[in-house]
Amino acid sequence: MLLDRRLLRNLDYSLVFAVLALCLVGFVIVFSATRGGIGPGSPQDPLYFVKRQVAAFILGTLACAVILTTDYRLAERAHQVLYVGNVGMLALVLVMGHRISGAQSWFRLGPVALQPSELAKVALILTLAHHLSEAHDITTHRGLALAFLHAAVPAGLVLLQNDLGTALVFCGITFAMLYVAGARGKDLLAVVGAGALASPVVFFFLLKDYQRARLLAFLNPYADPTGTGYNVIQSTIAIGSGRFFGKGLFHGTQAQLNFLPAHHTDFIFSVIGEELGFIGAVAVLTLYGLVLWRCLHAAACAKDAFGRLVATGVAAMLLFHVLVNVGMTMSLMPVTGIPLPFLSYGGSSLMANLVAIGFVLDVYMRRQKILF
């Protein structure tokens, strides 16, 4: 099915530009961070990681194009299939998944690794949007409990994979969508308060040793400067050394000499700060601001509750990622392994984010009930 020209005129080209600009910046920074290798046993091809990232971008763009040729409300009608499929994939990876960096969150298909929890974020947004658009008792305790239960099942499966960061993203998405759906602020604050009271139990009995170490390192990274605090210390050194204009593209010593761990994934913003400086970091954050603004604008213009909630969920997901990732590189947030959208190396993350943007574009493009 080809895209109607009348719909194409309604496409949000500002959002398209901002996302493409971020992806292009991501390709360049991933190349800068990996062209000299990322450690022992890394591929010899300096373009290895960029090629894989470009391949994921192409697949994500094709998926986005398919979404634009269909009405986003088809996803609403398929909510049961999406929810069951989402839960099933998250459960299956616990049985047949591959463990990377302590989290059993990956399917290994030959040279390709797929992380279902990334696509699960988009699935949660779509299914929760349907649930909330159909719910008429969201202001009651029962309605609120059912909405949290809807999100708790996939979030719980992600926690069982030892992926605390992604589970926290699920929480951020859920709270934002509940608020926009009409949940009372005092009820949401009560849930947050209950979570705060339960945090000691979670910290001492539910978190793994390395997860507790990360949280303690956030409070004082210099307590273990060569262990749990090493990543954060090296990240802050990298960002600080970039100063105003940066050391220059491909000239960041912390990244190029591999002092900074995970500099092509979790700490890619540190590479930006070191090589492009304050100016480059602000430019990237400005692009994120444009993306978030257009997502919220799409939510405001949506012709139905489902579309409004989908766009809100995508905005919440991206905002949570940016705040936590950028914050952890500057020692303002705990290290949780959350990637920076469109920039961090990772095919599953990039494809999921492009699919999410596809739904936002579709909501905005079909915002008018009748097109003349």
Protein backbone atom coordinates (compact mmCIF):
# COMPACT_ATOMS: atom_id res chain seq x y z
CA MET A 1 0.00 0.00 0.00
CA LEU A 2 1.55 3.29 -1.09
CA LEU A 3 1.38 6.37 1.08
CA ASP A 4 -1.32 8.85 0.04
CA ARG A 5 0.16 12.18 -1.04
CA ARG A 6 -2.36 14.02 1.10
CA LEU A 7 -1.04 12.16 4.14
CA LEU A 8 2.55 12.73 3.08
CA ARG A 9 1.96 16.50 3.22
CA ASN A 10 1.08 16.06 6.89
CA LEU A 11 4.35 14.33 7.75
CA ASP A 12 6.31 16.01 10.55
CA TYR A 13 9.51 16.82 8.67
CA SER A 14 11.00 18.56 11.73
CA LEU A 15 10.87 15.29 13.64
CA VAL A 16 12.28 13.38 10.66
CA PHE A 17 15.17 15.86 10.40
CA ALA A 18 16.01 15.69 14.11
CA VAL A 19 16.02 11.88 14.19
CA LEU A 20 18.11 11.60 11.02
CA ALA A 21 20.57 14.17 12.39
CA LEU A 22 20.95 12.20 15.62
CA CYS A 23 21.49 8.96 13.71
CA LEU A 24 24.16 10.58 11.53
CA VAL A 25 25.92 11.95 14.60
CA GLY A 26 25.68 8.46 16.08
CA PHE A 27 27.39 6.88 13.05
CA VAL A 28 30.27 9.37 13.26
CA ILE A 29 30.76 9.04 17.02
CA VAL A 30 30.52 5.24 16.95
CA PHE A 31 33.22 5.26 14.26
CA SER A 32 35.36 7.60 16.32
CA ALA A 33 34.94 5.43 19.41
CA THR A 34 35.65 2.10 17.69
CA ARG A 35 38.00 2.76 14.74
CA GLY A 36 41.06 1.88 16.82
CA GLY A 37 39.41 -1.12 18.47
CA ILE A 38 37.60 -1.37 21.79
CA GLY A 39 39.97 -3.75 23.51
CA PRO A 40 41.58 -7.18 23.11
CA GLY A 41 39.87 -9.36 20.53
CA SER A 42 37.97 -6.49 18.88
CA PRO A 43 37.39 -6.69 15.10
CA GLN A 44 40.21 -5.44 12.88
CA ASP A 45 37.83 -3.68 10.47
CA PRO A 46 37.57 -0.03 11.68
CA LEU A 47 34.11 0.17 10.09
CA TYR A 48 32.81 -3.04 11.70
CA PHE A 49 30.56 -1.40 14.29
CA VAL A 50 29.42 1.39 11.97
CA LYS A 51 28.40 -1.10 9.29
CA ARG A 52 26.26 -3.01 11.78
CA GLN A 53 24.73 0.21 13.05
CA VAL A 54 23.92 1.35 9.51
CA ALA A 55 22.34 -2.05 8.79
CA ALA A 56 20.13 -1.67 11.88
CA PHE A 57 19.25 1.86 10.77
CA ILE A 58 18.16 0.59 7.34
CA LEU A 59 15.98 -2.13 8.87
CA GLY A 60 14.48 0.32 11.35
CA THR A 61 13.79 2.86 8.60
CA LEU A 62 12.06 0.20 6.48
CA ALA A 63 9.91 -0.77 9.48
CA CYS A 64 9.11 2.91 10.02
CA ALA A 65 8.08 3.24 6.36
CA VAL A 66 5.77 0.21 6.65
CA ILE A 67 4.14 1.75 9.74
CA LEU A 68 3.49 4.99 7.84
CA THR A 69 1.64 3.14 5.07
CA THR A 70 -0.87 1.76 7.58
CA ASP A 71 -3.20 3.34 10.09
CA TYR A 72 -1.66 3.28 13.57
CA ARG A 73 -5.02 2.07 14.93
CA LEU A 74 -4.28 -1.35 13.43
CA ALA A 75 -1.85 -1.77 16.31
CA GLU A 76 -4.71 -1.01 18.71
CA ARG A 77 -6.83 -3.75 17.17
CA ALA A 78 -3.91 -6.17 17.51
CA HIS A 79 -3.30 -5.33 21.17
CA GLN A 80 -3.92 -8.87 22.42
CA VAL A 81 -1.46 -10.41 19.96
CA LEU A 82 1.12 -7.73 20.80
CA TYR A 83 0.78 -8.22 24.55
CA VAL A 84 0.89 -12.03 24.48
CA GLY A 85 3.75 -12.00 21.96
CA ASN A 86 5.66 -9.47 24.04
CA VAL A 87 5.30 -11.46 27.27
CA GLY A 88 6.10 -14.69 25.43
CA MET A 89 9.35 -13.32 23.96
CA LEU A 90 10.46 -11.94 27.31
CA ALA A 91 9.75 -15.29 28.96
CA LEU A 92 11.46 -17.25 26.19
CA VAL A 93 14.69 -15.28 26.50
CA LEU A 94 14.89 -16.38 30.15
CA VAL A 95 15.00 -19.99 28.96
CA MET A 96 16.91 -19.77 25.69
CA GLY A 97 18.61 -16.41 25.95
CA HIS A 98 22.28 -15.49 25.84
CA ARG A 99 23.92 -13.67 28.75
CA ILE A 100 25.86 -10.46 28.02
CA SER A 101 27.26 -8.15 30.73
CA GLY A 102 25.37 -10.00 33.44
CA ALA A 103 21.93 -9.72 31.80
CA GLN A 104 20.25 -12.69 30.12
CA SER A 105 18.42 -10.46 27.63
CA TRP A 106 19.66 -11.60 24.23
CA PHE A 107 18.85 -14.08 21.49
CA ARG A 108 21.93 -15.08 19.54
CA LEU A 109 21.24 -15.82 15.86
CA GLY A 110 24.64 -16.55 14.41
CA PRO A 111 26.56 -13.25 14.29
CA VAL A 112 23.40 -11.28 15.16
CA ALA A 113 22.25 -10.58 18.72
CA LEU A 114 18.64 -9.45 19.29
CA GLN A 115 17.45 -7.92 22.56
CA PRO A 116 13.66 -8.44 22.90
CA SER A 117 13.39 -6.06 25.86
CA GLU A 118 14.12 -3.10 23.52
CA LEU A 119 11.14 -3.92 21.30
CA ALA A 120 9.16 -4.72 24.46
CA LYS A 121 9.19 -1.01 25.33
CA VAL A 122 7.34 -0.19 22.12
CA ALA A 123 4.95 -3.10 22.65
CA LEU A 124 4.21 -1.87 26.18
CA ILE A 125 3.45 1.63 24.88
CA LEU A 126 1.00 0.30 22.28
CA THR A 127 -0.80 -2.16 24.55
CA LEU A 128 -0.94 0.16 27.57
CA ALA A 129 -2.26 2.93 25.32
CA HIS A 130 -5.13 0.66 24.29
CA HIS A 131 -5.78 -0.38 27.88
CA LEU A 132 -5.90 3.21 29.12
CA SER A 133 -7.94 4.51 26.18
CA GLU A 134 -10.59 1.87 26.95
CA ALA A 135 -10.48 2.23 30.73
CA HIS A 136 -13.14 4.41 32.32
CA ASP A 137 -12.12 3.92 35.96
CA ILE A 138 -8.53 5.11 35.92
CA THR A 139 -9.26 7.47 38.81
CA THR A 140 -10.20 4.52 41.05
CA HIS A 141 -7.79 2.32 42.95
CA ARG A 142 -8.97 -0.73 41.00
CA GLY A 143 -8.43 0.94 37.64
CA LEU A 144 -4.99 2.15 38.67
CA ALA A 145 -4.03 -1.30 39.96
CA LEU A 146 -5.08 -2.96 36.69
CA ALA A 147 -3.01 -0.50 34.67
CA PHE A 148 0.06 -1.13 36.83
CA LEU A 149 -0.51 -4.87 36.57
CA HIS A 150 -0.58 -4.55 32.77
CA ALA A 151 2.92 -3.05 32.87
CA ALA A 152 4.20 -5.12 35.80
CA VAL A 153 4.13 -8.44 33.94
CA PRO A 154 6.62 -7.50 31.18
CA ALA A 155 8.62 -5.33 33.61
CA GLY A 156 8.91 -8.25 36.03
CA LEU A 157 10.20 -10.52 33.27
CA VAL A 158 12.80 -7.92 32.36
CA LEU A 159 13.88 -7.74 36.02
CA LEU A 160 14.33 -11.52 36.01
CA GLN A 161 16.77 -10.99 33.13
CA ASN A 162 18.88 -8.86 35.53
CA ASP A 163 18.15 -5.77 33.42
CA LEU A 164 17.25 -3.17 36.04
CA GLY A 165 17.74 -0.22 33.69
CA THR A 166 15.13 -1.37 31.16
CA ALA A 167 12.68 -2.21 33.95
CA LEU A 168 13.04 1.37 35.21
CA VAL A 169 12.27 2.63 31.70
CA PHE A 170 9.02 0.64 31.84
CA CYS A 171 8.17 2.45 35.08
CA GLY A 172 8.82 5.86 33.55
CA ILE A 173 6.65 5.08 30.53
CA THR A 174 3.82 3.79 32.72
CA PHE A 175 3.71 6.79 35.06
CA ALA A 176 3.73 9.30 32.18
CA MET A 177 0.97 7.53 30.28
CA LEU A 178 -1.15 7.14 33.41
CA TYR A 179 -0.89 10.85 34.16
CA VAL A 180 -1.93 11.83 30.62
CA ALA A 181 -4.75 9.26 30.73
CA GLY A 182 -6.26 11.08 33.71
CA ALA A 183 -4.90 9.30 36.78
CA ARG A 184 -4.92 11.50 39.86
CA GLY A 185 -1.58 13.01 40.77
CA LYS A 186 -1.99 12.19 44.46
CA ASP A 187 -2.52 8.52 43.64
CA LEU A 188 0.63 8.40 41.52
CA LEU A 189 2.58 10.17 44.28
CA ALA A 190 1.28 7.59 46.75
CA VAL A 191 2.64 4.81 44.55
CA VAL A 192 6.00 6.58 44.36
CA GLY A 193 6.00 6.97 48.15
CA ALA A 194 5.24 3.29 48.63
CA GLY A 195 8.11 2.45 46.28
CA ALA A 196 10.45 4.68 48.26
CA LEU A 197 9.48 2.94 51.50
CA ALA A 198 10.11 -0.44 49.88
CA SER A 199 13.48 0.59 48.42
CA PRO A 200 15.57 -0.81 51.33
CA VAL A 201 13.98 -4.23 50.82
CA VAL A 202 14.68 -4.03 47.09
CA PHE A 203 18.26 -2.89 47.66
CA PHE A 204 19.24 -5.57 50.17
CA PHE A 205 17.19 -8.56 49.03
CA LEU A 206 16.25 -8.20 45.35
CA LEU A 207 19.23 -6.55 43.68
CA LYS A 208 22.32 -8.47 42.60
CA ASP A 209 25.70 -7.68 44.15
CA TYR A 210 26.93 -5.80 41.06
CA GLN A 211 23.72 -3.74 40.95
CA ARG A 212 24.17 -2.69 44.58
CA ALA A 213 27.80 -1.86 43.85
CA ARG A 214 26.75 0.42 40.99
CA LEU A 215 24.36 2.33 43.23
CA LEU A 216 26.99 2.73 45.94
CA ALA A 217 29.51 3.86 43.33
CA PHE A 218 27.08 6.61 42.31
CA LEU A 219 27.17 8.00 45.86
CA ASN A 220 30.98 7.94 46.04
CA PRO A 221 32.82 6.66 42.95
CA TYR A 222 36.20 7.41 44.52
CA ALA A 223 35.57 4.85 47.25
CA ASP A 224 36.58 2.23 44.68
CA PRO A 225 38.32 4.20 41.91
CA THR A 226 39.77 1.15 40.14
CA GLY A 227 36.65 -0.99 40.50
CA THR A 228 32.99 -0.01 40.53
CA GLY A 229 33.75 3.72 40.38
CA TYR A 230 36.17 3.47 37.45
CA ASN A 231 33.63 3.98 34.65
CA VAL A 232 32.10 7.10 36.16
CA ILE A 233 35.47 8.62 37.04
CA GLN A 234 36.81 8.12 33.51
CA SER A 235 33.58 9.47 32.04
CA THR A 236 33.70 12.70 34.06
CA ILE A 237 37.38 13.13 33.17
CA ALA A 238 36.52 12.73 29.47
CA ILE A 239 33.67 15.25 29.55
CA GLY A 240 35.62 17.75 31.62
CA SER A 241 38.70 17.55 29.41
CA GLY A 242 36.62 18.50 26.36
CA ARG A 243 35.97 21.96 27.82
CA PHE A 244 34.11 24.36 25.54
CA PHE A 245 35.08 23.36 22.00
CA GLY A 246 36.38 19.82 22.56
CA LYS A 247 39.65 18.15 21.62
CA GLY A 248 38.47 17.61 18.06
CA LEU A 249 36.72 14.74 16.33
CA PHE A 250 38.80 11.51 16.51
CA HIS A 251 41.20 13.14 19.00
CA GLY A 252 39.66 12.21 22.35
CA THR A 253 42.35 10.52 24.43
CA GLN A 254 40.05 8.90 26.99
CA ALA A 255 38.07 7.16 24.25
CA GLN A 256 40.79 6.58 21.66
CA LEU A 257 43.17 5.03 24.22
CA ASN A 258 40.35 2.93 25.76
CA PHE A 259 40.58 4.46 29.22
CA LEU A 260 36.81 4.98 29.03
CA PRO A 261 34.92 1.64 29.09
CA ALA A 262 31.82 1.04 26.95
CA HIS A 263 32.53 4.28 25.10
CA HIS A 264 30.59 3.15 22.02
CA THR A 265 27.50 2.08 24.00
CA ASP A 266 26.59 3.32 27.50
CA PHE A 267 29.16 6.14 27.65
CA ILE A 268 28.97 7.48 24.10
CA PHE A 269 27.90 10.91 25.42
CA SER A 270 31.29 11.10 27.15
CA VAL A 271 32.96 10.77 23.74
CA ILE A 272 30.81 13.63 22.46
CA GLY A 273 31.73 15.79 25.45
CA GLU A 274 35.45 15.05 25.07
CA GLU A 275 35.76 15.42 21.29
CA LEU A 276 33.08 18.05 20.55
CA GLY A 277 33.07 19.84 23.89
CA PHE A 278 30.27 21.82 25.51
CA ILE A 279 29.15 23.14 22.12
CA GLY A 280 28.76 19.67 20.64
CA ALA A 281 27.00 18.31 23.73
CA VAL A 282 24.51 21.19 23.73
CA ALA A 283 23.87 20.70 20.00
CA VAL A 284 23.05 17.03 20.58
CA LEU A 285 20.79 17.85 23.53
CA THR A 286 19.05 20.48 21.39
CA LEU A 287 18.26 17.80 18.80
CA TYR A 288 16.80 15.65 21.57
CA GLY A 289 14.75 18.61 22.72
CA LEU A 290 13.36 18.99 19.20
CA VAL A 291 12.46 15.29 19.07
CA LEU A 292 10.67 15.45 22.42
CA TRP A 293 8.84 18.65 21.48
CA ARG A 294 7.55 17.13 18.24
CA CYS A 295 6.48 13.95 20.03
CA LEU A 296 4.50 15.97 22.57
CA HIS A 297 3.08 18.11 19.77
CA ALA A 298 1.90 14.94 18.03
CA ALA A 299 0.26 13.87 21.28
CA ALA A 300 -1.51 17.22 21.57
CA CYS A 301 -2.73 17.03 17.96
CA ALA A 302 -3.81 13.36 18.01
CA LYS A 303 -7.38 12.73 16.94
CA ASP A 304 -8.03 10.02 19.54
CA ALA A 305 -6.95 8.93 23.00
CA PHE A 306 -4.98 5.96 21.70
CA GLY A 307 -2.81 8.13 19.46
CA ARG A 308 -2.30 10.70 22.20
CA LEU A 309 -1.13 8.04 24.64
CA VAL A 310 1.17 6.37 22.10
CA ALA A 311 2.97 9.64 21.35
CA THR A 312 3.16 10.40 25.08
CA GLY A 313 4.64 6.98 25.81
CA VAL A 314 7.32 7.40 23.15
CA ALA A 315 8.23 10.87 24.48
CA ALA A 316 8.46 9.47 28.03
CA MET A 317 10.64 6.58 26.89
CA LEU A 318 13.09 8.83 25.05
CA LEU A 319 13.18 11.42 27.83
CA PHE A 320 13.90 8.78 30.46
CA HIS A 321 16.72 7.35 28.37
CA VAL A 322 18.33 10.73 27.75
CA LEU A 323 18.08 11.94 31.35
CA VAL A 324 19.46 8.74 32.86
CA ASN A 325 22.18 8.13 30.27
CA VAL A 326 23.49 11.69 30.17
CA GLY A 327 23.14 11.92 33.94
CA MET A 328 25.19 8.79 34.58
CA THR A 329 28.03 10.01 32.34
CA MET A 330 28.30 13.09 34.56
CA SER A 331 27.88 11.17 37.85
CA LEU A 332 24.41 12.64 38.35
CA MET A 333 22.64 9.30 37.98
CA PRO A 334 23.58 5.69 38.85
CA VAL A 335 25.10 3.59 36.07
CA THR A 336 22.21 1.44 34.82
CA GLY A 337 23.31 0.43 31.32
CA ILE A 338 20.63 2.45 29.52
CA PRO A 339 21.72 3.41 25.97
CA LEU A 340 21.48 6.90 24.51
CA PRO A 341 18.71 6.83 21.85
CA PHE A 342 19.89 6.92 18.19
CA LEU A 343 23.53 7.41 19.26
CA SER A 344 24.66 4.41 21.30
CA TYR A 345 25.84 1.38 19.36
CA GLY A 346 23.19 -1.34 19.45
CA GLY A 347 20.99 -2.59 16.65
CA SER A 348 18.01 -3.64 18.80
CA SER A 349 17.87 -0.25 20.51
CA LEU A 350 18.16 1.71 17.26
CA MET A 351 15.49 -0.33 15.48
CA ALA A 352 13.10 -0.08 18.44
CA ASN A 353 13.53 3.70 18.63
CA LEU A 354 12.94 4.10 14.89
CA VAL A 355 9.80 1.96 15.11
CA ALA A 356 8.60 4.13 18.01
CA ILE A 357 9.22 7.30 15.98
CA GLY A 358 7.32 5.69 13.10
CA PHE A 359 4.22 5.44 15.27
CA VAL A 360 4.57 9.07 16.40
CA LEU A 361 4.87 10.20 12.77
CA ASP A 362 1.82 8.11 11.89
CA VAL A 363 -0.22 9.62 14.73
CA TYR A 364 0.68 13.15 13.62
CA MET A 365 0.19 12.42 9.92
CA ARG A 366 -3.33 11.09 10.52
CA ARG A 367 -4.28 13.73 13.08
CA GLN A 368 -7.13 15.07 10.92
CA LYS A 369 -10.26 12.98 10.78
CA ILE A 370 -11.02 14.12 7.23
CA LEU A 371 -8.35 15.07 4.74
CA PHE A 372 -9.31 17.25 1.79
